[in-house]
Amino acid sequence: MCRLLGFISPTPTTAADLIGVDECRQWQSMGSVHDDGWGTAWLDSDTESIARFRTPHVGTEDPRLTRALDSEATEARICHLRMATTGLIDLEENTHPFLAEDIALAHNGSVRPIERLREYVSIAEIDQVGGTTDSAIILALVLRRARHGEPLLDAVTGTVRMLRADFDHPSINLLLLTPEEMIVVHATAGTEVPYLQGPLPPDHHDHYYRMSWQRFADGATIVSSSGLEHKGWSLIEQNTIMRLTVADGAETIVRL
């Protein structure tokens, strides 16, 4: 269980430029609850590819996360605060985002039992992604479909539909990032809110898995899980997959 924040923009920007420094500090402060590591992936304009940083340490007071949110401008970025699923230890290799073939993935939720989920992928497929978590396996499954020629939106949609059919109430909130697009998944219907000890950020008792988004006049769009004030934001409908293009913010929405 984790926290997600991501944006795309036609020109370089930061989360602070879009929603303000106070909201960024509120999001970062959720690292006190989600304290099993943090990470970010972004579009590197020099290489036109996805770069990544991640650490298994707490992000609340980490100046590197502050800079990522406030001052390191880019056309696209996703950020993740991790609260590890029971039994999945705090190693850098298990910290999000996962990255392979220029696709980064950050996940809030779980697919259980993970022992059965591991049967869906080969050792080589999971080794390419790294890590031992259900989130890493989700990316491995998406990559398999993409290698067979499916556009990323179709690969993500097919993977999520398969997992929802084969597992009991999986919780699948995802942000995926490539140099061209951000894919947002909100599919957590029927998932119980995890037990969390306070003091808790807003919405964490009853709307833990809620996802919201805000679109700006130039096409820039930001997405966040619960815990922010979210004034002026819109809710992302349950059982929805959204594709947002980096160049102009054009959106494609798929209903599950």
Foldseek 3Di string as FASTA:
>chain_A
DKKKKKKAAQDWDALCVVPHLVLLLQRLQQLVFLAQWKKKWAQDPVVLFIDIDIDRGGRNPDVVSSCRHHPDIGRIMMMMRHDDDPPFHRDRQAYDQFDAPRKTKDWDWAFPDLVVLVVVDDPVLLVRRGGRGPRSSLVSQLVVVVVVPDDSLVSNVVSVVVSPVPTDQTFTFMWMDGSWKIKTAGARPPPDQDDTDDPDAPPSVPQQRWKKKAADPQQMMMIIGDRGPQVRIGTDDHQKMWMATNNGRDIDIDHD
